[in-house]
Amino acid sequence: MNWSAVADVAGAVFMLAGGVLCLLAGIGLLRLPDVLTRMHAATKPQSFGLLLVLVGSGLWLRSLIDLGILLLVGLFQLATSPVAAHMVGRAAYRTGRMDSEDIVLDELEEALRRAAAEDERENRR
């Protein structure tokens, strides 16, 4: 068995594992009960699943240009996924769609209260 055959088999395994993780993330988005757990399903397993698919694709393609594009796709995914989850979490918090019982330490409430007080002081001037 040569290196090319081993890379093809490893690529298929990586792609299958990544596809399963992405499928589980999609099922989690539909089945999980609240915003916080859905955010987790939308970011962590989906991002890791995509990275596994990209590694599998890289093992199959093996061209320098393709590997560079796959690397860029992975970097953009890792850069945008946490930001999107953060924005969804803040929007859910501000609109009251989150269960406050699930939050152990609410630092955002304190920060929003301070910001509102500062805005009120500036508006009085």
N, C-alpha and C. Protein backbone atom coordinates (compact mmCIF):
# COMPACT_ATOMS: atom_id res chain seq x y z
N MET A 1 0.85 -1.18 0.00
CA MET A 1 0.00 0.00 0.00
C MET A 1 0.89 1.24 0.00
N ASN A 2 0.67 2.13 -0.94
CA ASN A 2 1.50 3.33 -1.03
C ASN A 2 0.87 4.49 -0.26
N TRP A 3 1.60 5.61 -0.22
CA TRP A 3 1.17 6.77 0.55
C TRP A 3 -0.14 7.34 0.00
N SER A 4 -0.32 7.31 -1.29
CA SER A 4 -1.51 7.86 -1.91
C SER A 4 -2.77 7.11 -1.47
N ALA A 5 -2.69 5.81 -1.40
CA ALA A 5 -3.85 5.02 -0.95
C ALA A 5 -4.15 5.27 0.52
N VAL A 6 -3.11 5.38 1.34
CA VAL A 6 -3.30 5.66 2.76
C VAL A 6 -3.93 7.04 2.95
N ALA A 7 -3.47 8.02 2.17
CA ALA A 7 -4.03 9.37 2.26
C ALA A 7 -5.50 9.38 1.82
N ASP A 8 -5.84 8.60 0.80
CA ASP A 8 -7.23 8.54 0.36
C ASP A 8 -8.13 7.93 1.43
N VAL A 9 -7.67 6.86 2.06
CA VAL A 9 -8.47 6.22 3.12
C VAL A 9 -8.59 7.15 4.33
N ALA A 10 -7.48 7.78 4.72
CA ALA A 10 -7.53 8.72 5.85
C ALA A 10 -8.43 9.90 5.53
N GLY A 11 -8.37 10.39 4.29
CA GLY A 11 -9.25 11.49 3.89
C GLY A 11 -10.71 11.11 3.96
N ALA A 12 -11.02 9.89 3.54
CA ALA A 12 -12.41 9.43 3.61
C ALA A 12 -12.88 9.32 5.06
N VAL A 13 -12.01 8.85 5.94
CA VAL A 13 -12.37 8.73 7.36
C VAL A 13 -12.60 10.12 7.96
N PHE A 14 -11.70 11.07 7.67
CA PHE A 14 -11.87 12.43 8.17
C PHE A 14 -13.16 13.06 7.65
N MET A 15 -13.44 12.86 6.37
CA MET A 15 -14.65 13.46 5.80
C MET A 15 -15.91 12.83 6.38
N LEU A 16 -15.89 11.54 6.60
CA LEU A 16 -17.05 10.87 7.20
C LEU A 16 -17.26 11.35 8.64
N ALA A 17 -16.19 11.43 9.41
CA ALA A 17 -16.31 11.91 10.79
C ALA A 17 -16.80 13.36 10.82
N GLY A 18 -16.29 14.20 9.93
CA GLY A 18 -16.73 15.59 9.87
C GLY A 18 -18.19 15.70 9.47
N GLY A 19 -18.60 14.87 8.51
CA GLY A 19 -20.00 14.89 8.10
C GLY A 19 -20.93 14.47 9.23
N VAL A 20 -20.52 13.48 10.01
CA VAL A 20 -21.33 13.03 11.15
C VAL A 20 -21.43 14.14 12.19
N LEU A 21 -20.31 14.83 12.47
CA LEU A 21 -20.36 15.92 13.44
C LEU A 21 -21.26 17.06 12.96
N CYS A 22 -21.17 17.40 11.69
CA CYS A 22 -22.04 18.46 11.14
C CYS A 22 -23.51 18.04 11.20
N LEU A 23 -23.79 16.77 10.93
CA LEU A 23 -25.15 16.27 11.03
C LEU A 23 -25.66 16.35 12.47
N LEU A 24 -24.83 15.96 13.42
CA LEU A 24 -25.22 16.04 14.83
C LEU A 24 -25.44 17.48 15.26
N ALA A 25 -24.62 18.41 14.73
CA ALA A 25 -24.81 19.83 15.05
C ALA A 25 -26.14 20.32 14.50
N GLY A 26 -26.50 19.90 13.30
CA GLY A 26 -27.78 20.29 12.73
C GLY A 26 -28.95 19.72 13.52
N ILE A 27 -28.84 18.48 13.94
CA ILE A 27 -29.89 17.88 14.76
C ILE A 27 -29.99 18.61 16.10
N GLY A 28 -28.84 18.98 16.64
CA GLY A 28 -28.82 19.73 17.90
C GLY A 28 -29.52 21.08 17.78
N LEU A 29 -29.35 21.74 16.64
CA LEU A 29 -30.03 23.02 16.44
C LEU A 29 -31.54 22.86 16.45
N LEU A 30 -32.00 21.74 15.96
CA LEU A 30 -33.45 21.51 15.92
C LEU A 30 -34.00 20.99 17.24
N ARG A 31 -33.23 20.20 17.96
CA ARG A 31 -33.77 19.49 19.11
C ARG A 31 -33.46 20.11 20.46
N LEU A 32 -32.39 20.89 20.57
CA LEU A 32 -32.02 21.42 21.88
C LEU A 32 -32.99 22.50 22.33
N PRO A 33 -33.19 22.63 23.65
CA PRO A 33 -34.31 23.43 24.16
C PRO A 33 -34.12 24.95 24.20
N ASP A 34 -32.89 25.45 24.40
CA ASP A 34 -32.76 26.89 24.61
C ASP A 34 -31.63 27.47 23.77
N VAL A 35 -31.50 28.78 23.87
CA VAL A 35 -30.55 29.52 23.03
C VAL A 35 -29.11 29.12 23.33
N LEU A 36 -28.77 28.97 24.60
CA LEU A 36 -27.38 28.68 24.96
C LEU A 36 -26.92 27.33 24.42
N THR A 37 -27.74 26.33 24.55
CA THR A 37 -27.34 25.01 24.04
C THR A 37 -27.37 24.97 22.52
N ARG A 38 -28.26 25.71 21.91
CA ARG A 38 -28.27 25.78 20.44
C ARG A 38 -27.05 26.51 19.92
N MET A 39 -26.62 27.55 20.64
CA MET A 39 -25.39 28.24 20.24
C MET A 39 -24.20 27.30 20.29
N HIS A 40 -24.15 26.48 21.30
CA HIS A 40 -23.07 25.49 21.42
C HIS A 40 -23.11 24.54 20.23
N ALA A 41 -24.28 24.05 19.89
CA ALA A 41 -24.41 23.12 18.76
C ALA A 41 -24.08 23.79 17.44
N ALA A 42 -24.36 25.08 17.34
CA ALA A 42 -24.10 25.78 16.08
C ALA A 42 -22.64 26.13 15.89
N THR A 43 -21.87 26.17 16.95
CA THR A 43 -20.49 26.61 16.81
C THR A 43 -19.47 25.48 16.96
N LYS A 44 -19.45 24.82 18.08
CA LYS A 44 -18.34 23.89 18.34
C LYS A 44 -18.35 22.64 17.47
N PRO A 45 -19.39 21.82 17.50
CA PRO A 45 -19.31 20.61 16.66
C PRO A 45 -19.36 20.92 15.17
N GLN A 46 -20.06 21.99 14.80
CA GLN A 46 -20.12 22.34 13.39
C GLN A 46 -18.76 22.81 12.90
N SER A 47 -18.08 23.63 13.67
CA SER A 47 -16.75 24.11 13.27
C SER A 47 -15.75 22.97 13.21
N PHE A 48 -15.76 22.10 14.21
CA PHE A 48 -14.84 20.98 14.21
C PHE A 48 -15.17 20.01 13.08
N GLY A 49 -16.44 19.81 12.81
CA GLY A 49 -16.85 18.95 11.69
C GLY A 49 -16.37 19.51 10.37
N LEU A 50 -16.51 20.81 10.18
CA LEU A 50 -16.02 21.42 8.94
C LEU A 50 -14.52 21.28 8.82
N LEU A 51 -13.80 21.48 9.91
CA LEU A 51 -12.34 21.32 9.86
C LEU A 51 -11.95 19.89 9.50
N LEU A 52 -12.67 18.91 10.02
CA LEU A 52 -12.38 17.52 9.65
C LEU A 52 -12.66 17.27 8.18
N VAL A 53 -13.73 17.85 7.65
CA VAL A 53 -14.03 17.71 6.23
C VAL A 53 -12.94 18.38 5.40
N LEU A 54 -12.46 19.53 5.85
CA LEU A 54 -11.40 20.22 5.12
C LEU A 54 -10.09 19.43 5.13
N VAL A 55 -9.77 18.82 6.26
CA VAL A 55 -8.56 17.98 6.33
C VAL A 55 -8.71 16.79 5.40
N GLY A 56 -9.88 16.17 5.41
CA GLY A 56 -10.13 15.04 4.50
C GLY A 56 -10.04 15.46 3.05
N SER A 57 -10.57 16.63 2.72
CA SER A 57 -10.47 17.13 1.35
C SER A 57 -9.03 17.41 0.97
N GLY A 58 -8.27 17.95 1.91
CA GLY A 58 -6.86 18.21 1.65
C GLY A 58 -6.08 16.94 1.41
N LEU A 59 -6.42 15.88 2.14
CA LEU A 59 -5.73 14.60 1.92
C LEU A 59 -6.11 14.00 0.57
N TRP A 60 -7.28 14.29 0.10
CA TRP A 60 -7.69 13.78 -1.22
C TRP A 60 -7.09 14.61 -2.34
N LEU A 61 -7.13 15.92 -2.20
CA LEU A 61 -6.72 16.80 -3.31
C LEU A 61 -5.20 16.91 -3.46
N ARG A 62 -4.51 17.17 -2.37
CA ARG A 62 -3.05 17.20 -2.31
C ARG A 62 -2.38 18.21 -3.23
N SER A 63 -3.08 19.19 -3.73
CA SER A 63 -2.45 20.23 -4.54
C SER A 63 -2.24 21.46 -3.66
N LEU A 64 -1.17 22.17 -3.90
CA LEU A 64 -0.80 23.30 -3.05
C LEU A 64 -1.86 24.41 -3.10
N ILE A 65 -2.40 24.68 -4.26
CA ILE A 65 -3.43 25.71 -4.39
C ILE A 65 -4.69 25.30 -3.63
N ASP A 66 -5.09 24.06 -3.78
CA ASP A 66 -6.28 23.57 -3.07
C ASP A 66 -6.07 23.60 -1.56
N LEU A 67 -4.89 23.23 -1.10
CA LEU A 67 -4.61 23.25 0.33
C LEU A 67 -4.65 24.67 0.88
N GLY A 68 -4.16 25.63 0.10
CA GLY A 68 -4.22 27.03 0.52
C GLY A 68 -5.65 27.52 0.65
N ILE A 69 -6.49 27.17 -0.30
CA ILE A 69 -7.90 27.58 -0.24
C ILE A 69 -8.60 26.91 0.94
N LEU A 70 -8.32 25.63 1.15
CA LEU A 70 -8.92 24.94 2.29
C LEU A 70 -8.47 25.55 3.61
N LEU A 71 -7.23 25.96 3.68
CA LEU A 71 -6.71 26.62 4.89
C LEU A 71 -7.44 27.94 5.12
N LEU A 72 -7.65 28.71 4.07
CA LEU A 72 -8.37 29.98 4.21
C LEU A 72 -9.81 29.75 4.66
N VAL A 73 -10.46 28.75 4.10
CA VAL A 73 -11.83 28.44 4.51
C VAL A 73 -11.87 28.09 6.00
N GLY A 74 -10.92 27.28 6.45
CA GLY A 74 -10.87 26.91 7.87
C GLY A 74 -10.61 28.11 8.76
N LEU A 75 -9.70 28.98 8.35
CA LEU A 75 -9.40 30.17 9.16
C LEU A 75 -10.60 31.11 9.23
N PHE A 76 -11.28 31.31 8.11
CA PHE A 76 -12.46 32.17 8.13
C PHE A 76 -13.56 31.57 9.00
N GLN A 77 -13.71 30.28 8.97
CA GLN A 77 -14.71 29.63 9.81
C GLN A 77 -14.38 29.82 11.29
N LEU A 78 -13.12 29.63 11.64
CA LEU A 78 -12.73 29.78 13.04
C LEU A 78 -12.79 31.23 13.50
N ALA A 79 -12.67 32.17 12.57
CA ALA A 79 -12.73 33.58 12.94
C ALA A 79 -14.16 34.09 13.06
N THR A 80 -15.06 33.58 12.24
CA THR A 80 -16.42 34.13 12.22
C THR A 80 -17.41 33.40 13.12
N SER A 81 -17.21 32.13 13.35
CA SER A 81 -18.16 31.36 14.14
C SER A 81 -18.30 31.86 15.59
N PRO A 82 -17.21 32.14 16.30
CA PRO A 82 -17.38 32.66 17.67
C PRO A 82 -18.02 34.04 17.71
N VAL A 83 -17.72 34.87 16.72
CA VAL A 83 -18.30 36.21 16.69
C VAL A 83 -19.81 36.12 16.45
N ALA A 84 -20.21 35.25 15.54
CA ALA A 84 -21.64 35.08 15.27
C ALA A 84 -22.36 34.54 16.50
N ALA A 85 -21.77 33.57 17.18
CA ALA A 85 -22.40 33.02 18.39
C ALA A 85 -22.50 34.09 19.48
N HIS A 86 -21.48 34.92 19.60
CA HIS A 86 -21.51 35.99 20.59
C HIS A 86 -22.64 36.97 20.29
N MET A 87 -22.80 37.33 19.04
CA MET A 87 -23.86 38.27 18.67
C MET A 87 -25.25 37.66 18.88
N VAL A 88 -25.40 36.38 18.57
CA VAL A 88 -26.69 35.71 18.81
C VAL A 88 -26.98 35.68 20.31
N GLY A 89 -25.98 35.39 21.10
CA GLY A 89 -26.17 35.36 22.55
C GLY A 89 -26.55 36.71 23.12
N ARG A 90 -25.89 37.77 22.65
CA ARG A 90 -26.23 39.11 23.14
C ARG A 90 -27.63 39.52 22.71
N ALA A 91 -27.98 39.20 21.46
CA ALA A 91 -29.33 39.53 20.98
C ALA A 91 -30.39 38.78 21.78
N ALA A 92 -30.14 37.51 22.07
CA ALA A 92 -31.09 36.73 22.87
C ALA A 92 -31.19 37.29 24.28
N TYR A 93 -30.08 37.72 24.84
CA TYR A 93 -30.08 38.28 26.19
C TYR A 93 -30.88 39.58 26.23
N ARG A 94 -30.63 40.46 25.27
CA ARG A 94 -31.27 41.77 25.28
C ARG A 94 -32.75 41.70 24.96
N THR A 95 -33.17 40.70 24.21
CA THR A 95 -34.60 40.57 23.89
C THR A 95 -35.34 39.71 24.89
N GLY A 96 -34.64 39.16 25.88
CA GLY A 96 -35.29 38.36 26.91
C GLY A 96 -35.62 36.95 26.49
N ARG A 97 -34.95 36.43 25.49
CA ARG A 97 -35.23 35.08 25.01
C ARG A 97 -34.41 34.01 25.74
N MET A 98 -33.58 34.41 26.68
CA MET A 98 -32.77 33.45 27.43
C MET A 98 -33.41 33.19 28.79
N ASP A 99 -33.23 31.98 29.28
CA ASP A 99 -33.69 31.66 30.63
C ASP A 99 -32.66 32.19 31.61
N SER A 100 -33.06 33.13 32.44
CA SER A 100 -32.12 33.70 33.40
C SER A 100 -31.72 32.69 34.48
N GLU A 101 -32.47 31.61 34.61
CA GLU A 101 -32.14 30.57 35.59
C GLU A 101 -30.88 29.81 35.20
N ASP A 102 -30.58 29.78 33.89
CA ASP A 102 -29.41 29.04 33.41
C ASP A 102 -28.11 29.80 33.61
N ILE A 103 -28.19 31.10 33.88
CA ILE A 103 -27.00 31.92 34.00
C ILE A 103 -26.52 31.90 35.44
N VAL A 104 -25.27 31.51 35.64
CA VAL A 104 -24.71 31.45 36.99
C VAL A 104 -24.20 32.82 37.42
N LEU A 105 -23.42 33.48 36.55
CA LEU A 105 -22.86 34.79 36.84
C LEU A 105 -23.22 35.71 35.68
N ASP A 106 -23.97 36.74 35.95
CA ASP A 106 -24.46 37.64 34.91
C ASP A 106 -23.66 38.93 34.90
N GLU A 107 -22.53 38.94 34.22
CA GLU A 107 -21.69 40.12 34.13
C GLU A 107 -22.24 41.13 33.13
N LEU A 108 -22.98 40.66 32.15
CA LEU A 108 -23.52 41.57 31.14
C LEU A 108 -24.57 42.50 31.73
N GLU A 109 -25.37 42.01 32.66
CA GLU A 109 -26.38 42.86 33.28
C GLU A 109 -25.74 44.03 34.01
N GLU A 110 -24.65 43.77 34.72
CA GLU A 110 -23.95 44.84 35.42
C GLU A 110 -23.36 45.86 34.44
N ALA A 111 -22.79 45.37 33.35
CA ALA A 111 -22.20 46.27 32.36
C ALA A 111 -23.28 47.11 31.67
N LEU A 112 -24.42 46.51 31.36
CA LEU A 112 -25.51 47.25 30.74
C LEU A 112 -26.09 48.29 31.69
N ARG A 113 -26.16 47.96 32.96
CA ARG A 113 -26.66 48.90 33.96
C ARG A 113 -25.73 50.10 34.09
N ARG A 114 -24.41 49.85 34.11
CA ARG A 114 -23.44 50.95 34.19
C ARG A 114 -23.50 51.82 32.94
N ALA A 115 -23.62 51.19 31.77
CA ALA A 115 -23.69 51.95 30.53
C ALA A 115 -24.95 52.81 30.48
N ALA A 116 -26.06 52.27 30.94
CA ALA A 116 -27.30 53.05 30.96
C ALA A 116 -27.20 54.22 31.92
N ALA A 117 -26.55 54.02 33.07
CA ALA A 117 -26.37 55.11 34.03
C ALA A 117 -25.47 56.19 33.45
N GLU A 118 -24.41 55.81 32.76
CA GLU A 118 -23.52 56.79 32.14
C GLU A 118 -24.25 57.55 31.04
N ASP A 119 -25.07 56.87 30.24
CA ASP A 119 -25.83 57.54 29.20
C ASP A 119 -26.82 58.54 29.81
N GLU A 120 -27.43 58.15 30.90
CA GLU A 120 -28.38 59.04 31.56
C GLU A 120 -27.68 60.28 32.11
N ARG A 121 -26.49 60.10 32.68
CA ARG A 121 -25.72 61.25 33.18
C ARG A 121 -25.33 62.19 32.05
N GLU A 122 -24.92 61.62 30.90
CA GLU A 122 -24.52 62.46 29.78
C GLU A 122 -25.71 63.19 29.17
N ASN A 123 -26.87 62.57 29.17
CA ASN A 123 -28.05 63.22 28.63
C ASN A 123 -28.54 64.37 29.51
N ARG A 124 -28.26 64.32 30.81
CA ARG A 124 -28.64 65.38 31.74
C ARG A 124 -27.80 66.63 31.52
N ARG A 125 -26.59 66.46 31.01
CA ARG A 125 -25.69 67.61 30.85
C ARG A 125 -26.12 68.50 29.78
